[in-house]
Each structure stands twice: as structure tokens, then as C-alpha cells.
Amino acid sequence: MAVQILKASEDYLETMLMMQTKHGYVRSVDVAEHLGVTKPSVTYATKRLRENGYIEMDKDGLITLTDAGKVSADSKSTKDEKRRAQYVEAKSYLATSQRDKAFSILKTLSASPATPEGAEAAYLVIQDRYDQGKFEEVETLVYKLSDSGTDQNYWLAKSFIVLGDSFAERGEMKQAKATFESIRDGYTPAGREDDVLDNVKMRLGKIESIGE
């Protein structure tokens, strides 16, 4: 059932866009009738679409497509355009402190770490785990990103900085130092605005100041 719904996501979005354009609003019951599916199927699909930042639903149950949803509903949109729209939507949610919505989308994007948006999403998820004190998850996610073979070196290096910070928070200063030194010795800045090595230098200085 889940695979069938996922496969039909674009059908739902196209139908919703058509209804929103024509009537100015979208109701689940109308979507079900138009597509010839059951109300529970629409409920499941809208839940998935909301989690991925494609639609929003008000207190009366009326559905509105987000910008990402509109792009995805357009059959002419490329895969890159759809991913970029999701990324913009997630960053917009972060900017307005709607973290649950933002990280629901970021988790989806992080499954494609070879892309710039996916790699940054993976880093943001890692940073979020660190902020929550979930240091073991940080370690798991950083190594997963590294093993993915991504060439998005900036976000990979930023993620390893978070890993070093997590070691330091756990009092594992030698491991933290080794992590920062490996970044310092192996990372090549992408440009003048690249802040990776400056952040590493600052952290190594703090470790040296406490005699580690």
C-alpha cells in the first residue's frame, strides 16, 4: 500500500494543484473523488506529502500546496529542480523556527548526499543530533556520510568537526584532537570564504590551552 501511494505522489500533487488553481482551495474528499481512491488512502498520502514539505493543511482541513509542492506537481520540473525546491522549503521552515517540518524534509534530502542539498541536509541533521546531546547518533551519521562516497567535501568536513565536538563533549579529548588534526591535514579549502580550517584551528587551540 505504501509503495503504491508513494508511486502516485505526483498524481496527488497534480490533482491538488489543478483544484487549487481552479477553486482556490483543496479538500481531501474532492481529491479522493477525482482520483477514484478511498478517503483513508488520501489521508495517508497527505500525511506523507506534509512530512516532505509539499503541502500544508489548515485547521479546517483545507490543503494548500507549498512552493516545493507546486514545482513537484509540474510534470516539466526536473529532478534537480524538485530537490532544490524541497531544500528551499526546508530552509524556510528553519528560518521560521518550524523545526519539525524542516527536519522531516532534511531527513529525506539527506538520503542523496552526493548532491549539494543532500550533503548539507545530512550535515544539518548531524548538527541537530549534536545539539540534542545524541553523540552516538552523531558518530553513526558522520561515518555513514563518509562511507557514502560523497564528493561534497565542505559539508563532509563540517560534519567531522561536529564529530570532534561530540568527542570533546564526552571528555574524549585525544579522539577529538585526532579528528580535528585529520581535517587540518587532509582538507583543501574550496575558496576564501571556506571556514573549515579556521574552525579547526580554533578548536585545536582550545584543546592545547587545557593541556591535552
C-alpha atoms as a PDB file:
ATOM      1  CA  MET A   1       0.000   0.000   0.000  1.00  0.00           C
ATOM      2  CA  ALA A   2       2.787   2.428   0.987  1.00  0.00           C
ATOM      3  CA  VAL A   3       4.681   1.807  -2.250  1.00  0.00           C
ATOM      4  CA  GLN A   4       1.517   2.385  -4.272  1.00  0.00           C
ATOM      5  CA  ILE A   5       0.833   5.691  -2.521  1.00  0.00           C
ATOM      6  CA  LEU A   6       4.434   6.834  -2.902  1.00  0.00           C
ATOM      7  CA  LYS A   7       4.394   5.989  -6.597  1.00  0.00           C
ATOM      8  CA  ALA A   8       1.259   8.094  -7.038  1.00  0.00           C
ATOM      9  CA  SER A   9       2.518  11.173  -5.161  1.00  0.00           C
ATOM     10  CA  GLU A  10       2.812  13.228  -8.336  1.00  0.00           C
ATOM     11  CA  ASP A  11      -0.762  12.292  -9.268  1.00  0.00           C
ATOM     12  CA  TYR A  12      -1.949  13.647  -5.919  1.00  0.00           C
ATOM     13  CA  LEU A  13       0.088  16.825  -6.301  1.00  0.00           C
ATOM     14  CA  GLU A  14      -1.066  17.435  -9.878  1.00  0.00           C
ATOM     15  CA  THR A  15      -4.691  16.967  -8.816  1.00  0.00           C
ATOM     16  CA  MET A  16      -4.253  19.290  -5.840  1.00  0.00           C
ATOM     17  CA  LEU A  17      -2.596  21.956  -7.988  1.00  0.00           C
ATOM     18  CA  MET A  18      -5.419  21.764 -10.503  1.00  0.00           C
ATOM     19  CA  MET A  19      -8.036  22.150  -7.755  1.00  0.00           C
ATOM     20  CA  GLN A  20      -6.143  24.938  -6.009  1.00  0.00           C
ATOM     21  CA  THR A  21      -5.814  26.845  -9.287  1.00  0.00           C
ATOM     22  CA  LYS A  22      -9.458  26.304 -10.233  1.00  0.00           C
ATOM     23  CA  HIS A  23     -11.217  26.697  -6.876  1.00  0.00           C
ATOM     24  CA  GLY A  24      -8.673  28.373  -4.605  1.00  0.00           C
ATOM     25  CA  TYR A  25      -8.864  25.508  -2.115  1.00  0.00           C
ATOM     26  CA  VAL A  26      -8.364  21.742  -1.946  1.00  0.00           C
ATOM     27  CA  ARG A  27     -10.357  19.238   0.106  1.00  0.00           C
ATOM     28  CA  SER A  28      -9.347  15.637   0.752  1.00  0.00           C
ATOM     29  CA  VAL A  29     -12.800  14.379  -0.208  1.00  0.00           C
ATOM     30  CA  ASP A  30     -12.532  16.082  -3.609  1.00  0.00           C
ATOM     31  CA  VAL A  31      -9.083  14.576  -4.204  1.00  0.00           C
ATOM     32  CA  ALA A  32     -10.410  11.114  -3.343  1.00  0.00           C
ATOM     33  CA  GLU A  33     -13.335  11.527  -5.731  1.00  0.00           C
ATOM     34  CA  HIS A  34     -11.191  12.871  -8.575  1.00  0.00           C
ATOM     35  CA  LEU A  35      -8.591  10.093  -8.337  1.00  0.00           C
ATOM     36  CA  GLY A  36     -11.065   7.347  -7.544  1.00  0.00           C
ATOM     37  CA  VAL A  37      -9.354   6.324  -4.302  1.00  0.00           C
ATOM     38  CA  THR A  38     -10.591   5.893  -0.742  1.00  0.00           C
ATOM     39  CA  LYS A  39     -10.522   8.629   1.891  1.00  0.00           C
ATOM     40  CA  PRO A  40      -8.019   6.632   4.038  1.00  0.00           C
ATOM     41  CA  SER A  41      -5.697   6.468   1.012  1.00  0.00           C
ATOM     42  CA  VAL A  42      -5.845  10.239   0.654  1.00  0.00           C
ATOM     43  CA  THR A  43      -5.270  10.668   4.390  1.00  0.00           C
ATOM     44  CA  TYR A  44      -2.141   8.516   4.196  1.00  0.00           C
ATOM     45  CA  ALA A  45      -0.888  10.314   1.100  1.00  0.00           C
ATOM     46  CA  THR A  46      -1.454  13.801   2.527  1.00  0.00           C
ATOM     47  CA  LYS A  47       0.419  12.805   5.685  1.00  0.00           C
ATOM     48  CA  ARG A  48       3.426  11.804   3.583  1.00  0.00           C
ATOM     49  CA  LEU A  49       3.174  14.940   1.453  1.00  0.00           C
ATOM     50  CA  ARG A  50       3.022  17.160   4.549  1.00  0.00           C
ATOM     51  CA  GLU A  51       6.052  15.429   6.060  1.00  0.00           C
ATOM     52  CA  ASN A  52       8.017  16.127   2.892  1.00  0.00           C
ATOM     53  CA  GLY A  53       7.031  19.783   2.780  1.00  0.00           C
ATOM     54  CA  TYR A  54       4.847  19.591  -0.322  1.00  0.00           C
ATOM     55  CA  ILE A  55       1.560  20.659   1.253  1.00  0.00           C
ATOM     56  CA  GLU A  56       0.151  22.390   4.307  1.00  0.00           C
ATOM     57  CA  MET A  57      -3.237  21.836   5.907  1.00  0.00           C
ATOM     58  CA  ASP A  58      -5.196  24.354   7.973  1.00  0.00           C
ATOM     59  CA  LYS A  59      -7.442  23.705  10.976  1.00  0.00           C
ATOM     60  CA  ASP A  60     -10.430  23.203   8.676  1.00  0.00           C
ATOM     61  CA  GLY A  61      -8.634  20.507   6.707  1.00  0.00           C
ATOM     62  CA  LEU A  62      -8.130  22.617   3.579  1.00  0.00           C
ATOM     63  CA  ILE A  63      -4.960  21.772   1.675  1.00  0.00           C
ATOM     64  CA  THR A  64      -2.510  24.267   0.178  1.00  0.00           C
ATOM     65  CA  LEU A  65       0.485  23.375  -1.948  1.00  0.00           C
ATOM     66  CA  THR A  66       3.815  24.864  -0.870  1.00  0.00           C
ATOM     67  CA  ASP A  67       6.260  26.199  -3.451  1.00  0.00           C
ATOM     68  CA  ALA A  68       8.018  22.820  -3.367  1.00  0.00           C
ATOM     69  CA  GLY A  69       4.691  21.117  -3.954  1.00  0.00           C
ATOM     70  CA  LYS A  70       3.915  23.318  -6.944  1.00  0.00           C
ATOM     71  CA  VAL A  71       7.286  22.566  -8.517  1.00  0.00           C
ATOM     72  CA  SER A  72       6.834  18.830  -7.943  1.00  0.00           C
ATOM     73  CA  ALA A  73       3.323  18.964  -9.374  1.00  0.00           C
ATOM     74  CA  ASP A  74       4.697  20.424 -12.616  1.00  0.00           C
ATOM     75  CA  SER A  75       5.494  17.498 -14.894  1.00  0.00           C
ATOM     76  CA  LYS A  76       8.087  19.665 -16.656  1.00  0.00           C
ATOM     77  CA  SER A  77      10.157  20.128 -13.481  1.00  0.00           C
ATOM     78  CA  THR A  78      13.436  18.220 -13.430  1.00  0.00           C
ATOM     79  CA  LYS A  79      14.591  16.043 -10.551  1.00  0.00           C
ATOM     80  CA  ASP A  80      17.166  18.693  -9.615  1.00  0.00           C
ATOM     81  CA  GLU A  81      14.513  21.431  -9.601  1.00  0.00           C
ATOM     82  CA  LYS A  82      12.268  19.377  -7.360  1.00  0.00           C
ATOM     83  CA  ARG A  83      15.101  18.646  -4.935  1.00  0.00           C
ATOM     84  CA  ARG A  84      16.112  22.308  -4.894  1.00  0.00           C
ATOM     85  CA  ALA A  85      12.523  23.334  -4.152  1.00  0.00           C
ATOM     86  CA  GLN A  86      12.422  20.937  -1.198  1.00  0.00           C
ATOM     87  CA  TYR A  87      15.715  22.353   0.062  1.00  0.00           C
ATOM     88  CA  VAL A  88      14.431  25.933  -0.108  1.00  0.00           C
ATOM     89  CA  GLU A  89      11.260  24.879   1.695  1.00  0.00           C
ATOM     90  CA  ALA A  90      13.259  23.223   4.474  1.00  0.00           C
ATOM     91  CA  LYS A  91      15.490  26.272   4.950  1.00  0.00           C
ATOM     92  CA  SER A  92      12.386  28.473   5.063  1.00  0.00           C
ATOM     93  CA  TYR A  93      10.943  26.327   7.832  1.00  0.00           C
ATOM     94  CA  LEU A  94      14.233  26.564   9.745  1.00  0.00           C
ATOM     95  CA  ALA A  95      14.241  30.332   9.373  1.00  0.00           C
ATOM     96  CA  THR A  96      10.778  30.495  10.921  1.00  0.00           C
ATOM     97  CA  SER A  97      11.594  28.043  13.747  1.00  0.00           C
ATOM     98  CA  GLN A  98       9.378  25.291  12.327  1.00  0.00           C
ATOM     99  CA  ARG A  99      11.985  22.661  13.114  1.00  0.00           C
ATOM    100  CA  ASP A 100       9.791  19.566  12.913  1.00  0.00           C
ATOM    101  CA  LYS A 101       8.710  20.428   9.385  1.00  0.00           C
ATOM    102  CA  ALA A 102      12.245  21.392   8.403  1.00  0.00           C
ATOM    103  CA  PHE A 103      13.921  18.235   9.655  1.00  0.00           C
ATOM    104  CA  SER A 104      11.276  15.987   8.164  1.00  0.00           C
ATOM    105  CA  ILE A 105      12.310  17.340   4.763  1.00  0.00           C
ATOM    106  CA  LEU A 106      16.027  17.406   5.569  1.00  0.00           C
ATOM    107  CA  LYS A 107      15.998  13.721   6.506  1.00  0.00           C
ATOM    108  CA  THR A 108      14.550  12.953   3.090  1.00  0.00           C
ATOM    109  CA  LEU A 109      17.114  15.114   1.305  1.00  0.00           C
ATOM    110  CA  SER A 110      19.990  13.600   3.299  1.00  0.00           C
ATOM    111  CA  ALA A 111      19.374  10.281   1.547  1.00  0.00           C
ATOM    112  CA  SER A 112      21.083  11.829  -1.515  1.00  0.00           C
ATOM    113  CA  PRO A 113      24.427  13.037  -0.080  1.00  0.00           C
ATOM    114  CA  ALA A 114      26.071  13.218  -3.493  1.00  0.00           C
ATOM    115  CA  THR A 115      24.099  16.400  -4.178  1.00  0.00           C
ATOM    116  CA  PRO A 116      24.902  19.761  -2.544  1.00  0.00           C
ATOM    117  CA  GLU A 117      21.443  19.945  -0.972  1.00  0.00           C
ATOM    118  CA  GLY A 118      21.607  16.365   0.262  1.00  0.00           C
ATOM    119  CA  ALA A 119      25.063  16.781   1.799  1.00  0.00           C
ATOM    120  CA  GLU A 120      24.087  19.996   3.574  1.00  0.00           C
ATOM    121  CA  ALA A 121      20.900  18.320   4.772  1.00  0.00           C
ATOM    122  CA  ALA A 122      22.955  15.443   6.177  1.00  0.00           C
ATOM    123  CA  TYR A 123      25.198  17.951   7.987  1.00  0.00           C
ATOM    124  CA  LEU A 124      22.199  19.817   9.434  1.00  0.00           C
ATOM    125  CA  VAL A 125      20.711  16.553  10.715  1.00  0.00           C
ATOM    126  CA  ILE A 126      24.071  15.686  12.314  1.00  0.00           C
ATOM    127  CA  GLN A 127      24.293  19.129  13.930  1.00  0.00           C
ATOM    128  CA  ASP A 128      20.752  18.708  15.240  1.00  0.00           C
ATOM    129  CA  ARG A 129      21.674  15.392  16.865  1.00  0.00           C
ATOM    130  CA  TYR A 130      24.684  17.065  18.469  1.00  0.00           C
ATOM    131  CA  ASP A 131      22.511  19.896  19.798  1.00  0.00           C
ATOM    132  CA  GLN A 132      20.261  17.273  21.374  1.00  0.00           C
ATOM    133  CA  GLY A 133      23.234  15.562  23.033  1.00  0.00           C
ATOM    134  CA  LYS A 134      22.808  12.404  20.940  1.00  0.00           C
ATOM    135  CA  PHE A 135      26.533  11.919  20.422  1.00  0.00           C
ATOM    136  CA  GLU A 136      26.428   8.255  19.449  1.00  0.00           C
ATOM    137  CA  GLU A 137      23.981   9.112  16.668  1.00  0.00           C
ATOM    138  CA  VAL A 138      26.352  11.879  15.549  1.00  0.00           C
ATOM    139  CA  GLU A 139      29.149   9.333  15.203  1.00  0.00           C
ATOM    140  CA  THR A 140      26.958   6.887  13.279  1.00  0.00           C
ATOM    141  CA  LEU A 141      25.638   9.550  10.892  1.00  0.00           C
ATOM    142  CA  VAL A 142      29.054  11.085  10.211  1.00  0.00           C
ATOM    143  CA  TYR A 143      30.597   7.752   9.293  1.00  0.00           C
ATOM    144  CA  LYS A 144      27.557   6.941   7.173  1.00  0.00           C
ATOM    145  CA  LEU A 145      28.037  10.203   5.270  1.00  0.00           C
ATOM    146  CA  SER A 146      31.745   9.474   4.860  1.00  0.00           C
ATOM    147  CA  ASP A 147      31.074   5.944   3.614  1.00  0.00           C
ATOM    148  CA  SER A 148      28.582   7.251   1.053  1.00  0.00           C
ATOM    149  CA  GLY A 149      31.494   8.392  -1.110  1.00  0.00           C
ATOM    150  CA  THR A 150      30.119  11.914  -1.479  1.00  0.00           C
ATOM    151  CA  ASP A 151      32.437  14.465  -3.032  1.00  0.00           C
ATOM    152  CA  GLN A 152      30.732  17.307  -1.172  1.00  0.00           C
ATOM    153  CA  ASN A 153      33.882  17.838   0.878  1.00  0.00           C
ATOM    154  CA  TYR A 154      32.845  21.050   2.613  1.00  0.00           C
ATOM    155  CA  TRP A 155      29.783  19.514   4.257  1.00  0.00           C
ATOM    156  CA  LEU A 156      31.674  16.311   4.983  1.00  0.00           C
ATOM    157  CA  ALA A 157      34.416  18.278   6.745  1.00  0.00           C
ATOM    158  CA  LYS A 158      31.825  20.312   8.678  1.00  0.00           C
ATOM    159  CA  SER A 159      30.254  17.042   9.787  1.00  0.00           C
ATOM    160  CA  PHE A 160      33.602  15.730  11.030  1.00  0.00           C
ATOM    161  CA  ILE A 161      34.031  18.943  13.010  1.00  0.00           C
ATOM    162  CA  VAL A 162      30.736  18.137  14.742  1.00  0.00           C
ATOM    163  CA  LEU A 163      32.069  14.626  15.374  1.00  0.00           C
ATOM    164  CA  GLY A 164      35.180  16.117  17.002  1.00  0.00           C
ATOM    165  CA  ASP A 165      32.964  18.347  19.126  1.00  0.00           C
ATOM    166  CA  SER A 166      30.957  15.321  20.217  1.00  0.00           C
ATOM    167  CA  PHE A 167      34.136  13.550  21.318  1.00  0.00           C
ATOM    168  CA  ALA A 168      35.127  16.644  23.303  1.00  0.00           C
ATOM    169  CA  GLU A 169      31.707  16.805  24.967  1.00  0.00           C
ATOM    170  CA  ARG A 170      32.189  13.228  26.124  1.00  0.00           C
ATOM    171  CA  GLY A 171      35.632  14.035  27.519  1.00  0.00           C
ATOM    172  CA  GLU A 172      37.430  12.055  24.810  1.00  0.00           C
ATOM    173  CA  MET A 173      39.913  14.827  24.126  1.00  0.00           C
ATOM    174  CA  LYS A 174      42.573  12.699  22.414  1.00  0.00           C
ATOM    175  CA  GLN A 175      39.989  11.424  19.944  1.00  0.00           C
ATOM    176  CA  ALA A 176      38.678  14.949  19.426  1.00  0.00           C
ATOM    177  CA  LYS A 177      42.194  16.248  18.786  1.00  0.00           C
ATOM    178  CA  ALA A 178      42.927  13.430  16.322  1.00  0.00           C
ATOM    179  CA  THR A 179      39.698  14.180  14.452  1.00  0.00           C
ATOM    180  CA  PHE A 180      40.473  17.878  14.149  1.00  0.00           C
ATOM    181  CA  GLU A 181      44.073  17.181  13.105  1.00  0.00           C
ATOM    182  CA  SER A 182      42.915  14.793  10.379  1.00  0.00           C
ATOM    183  CA  ILE A 183      40.702  17.557   8.954  1.00  0.00           C
ATOM    184  CA  ARG A 184      43.521  20.108   9.206  1.00  0.00           C
ATOM    185  CA  ASP A 185      45.975  17.831   7.406  1.00  0.00           C
ATOM    186  CA  GLY A 186      43.642  16.450   4.743  1.00  0.00           C
ATOM    187  CA  TYR A 187      41.223  19.211   3.823  1.00  0.00           C
ATOM    188  CA  THR A 188      41.676  21.673   0.954  1.00  0.00           C
ATOM    189  CA  PRO A 189      39.560  24.856   1.227  1.00  0.00           C
ATOM    190  CA  ALA A 190      37.193  25.488  -1.649  1.00  0.00           C
ATOM    191  CA  GLY A 191      37.687  29.270  -1.570  1.00  0.00           C
ATOM    192  CA  ARG A 192      38.414  32.344   0.530  1.00  0.00           C
ATOM    193  CA  GLU A 193      35.081  32.121   2.357  1.00  0.00           C
ATOM    194  CA  ASP A 194      35.627  28.484   3.344  1.00  0.00           C
ATOM    195  CA  ASP A 195      35.645  28.486   7.168  1.00  0.00           C
ATOM    196  CA  VAL A 196      36.555  24.843   7.830  1.00  0.00           C
ATOM    197  CA  LEU A 197      40.246  25.261   8.666  1.00  0.00           C
ATOM    198  CA  ASP A 198      39.614  28.367  10.784  1.00  0.00           C
ATOM    199  CA  ASN A 199      37.102  26.404  12.866  1.00  0.00           C
ATOM    200  CA  VAL A 200      39.527  23.515  13.213  1.00  0.00           C
ATOM    201  CA  LYS A 201      42.384  25.830  14.238  1.00  0.00           C
ATOM    202  CA  MET A 202      40.199  27.425  16.913  1.00  0.00           C
ATOM    203  CA  ARG A 203      39.237  24.035  18.351  1.00  0.00           C
ATOM    204  CA  LEU A 204      42.793  22.729  18.380  1.00  0.00           C
ATOM    205  CA  GLY A 205      43.869  25.916  20.155  1.00  0.00           C
ATOM    206  CA  LYS A 206      41.292  25.311  22.887  1.00  0.00           C
ATOM    207  CA  ILE A 207      42.456  21.728  23.337  1.00  0.00           C
ATOM    208  CA  GLU A 208      46.096  22.836  23.599  1.00  0.00           C
ATOM    209  CA  SER A 209      45.156  25.505  26.141  1.00  0.00           C
ATOM    210  CA  ILE A 210      43.829  22.868  28.518  1.00  0.00           C
ATOM    211  CA  GLY A 211      46.983  20.786  28.121  1.00  0.00           C
ATOM    212  CA  GLU A 212      45.679  17.909  26.057  1.00  0.00           C
END
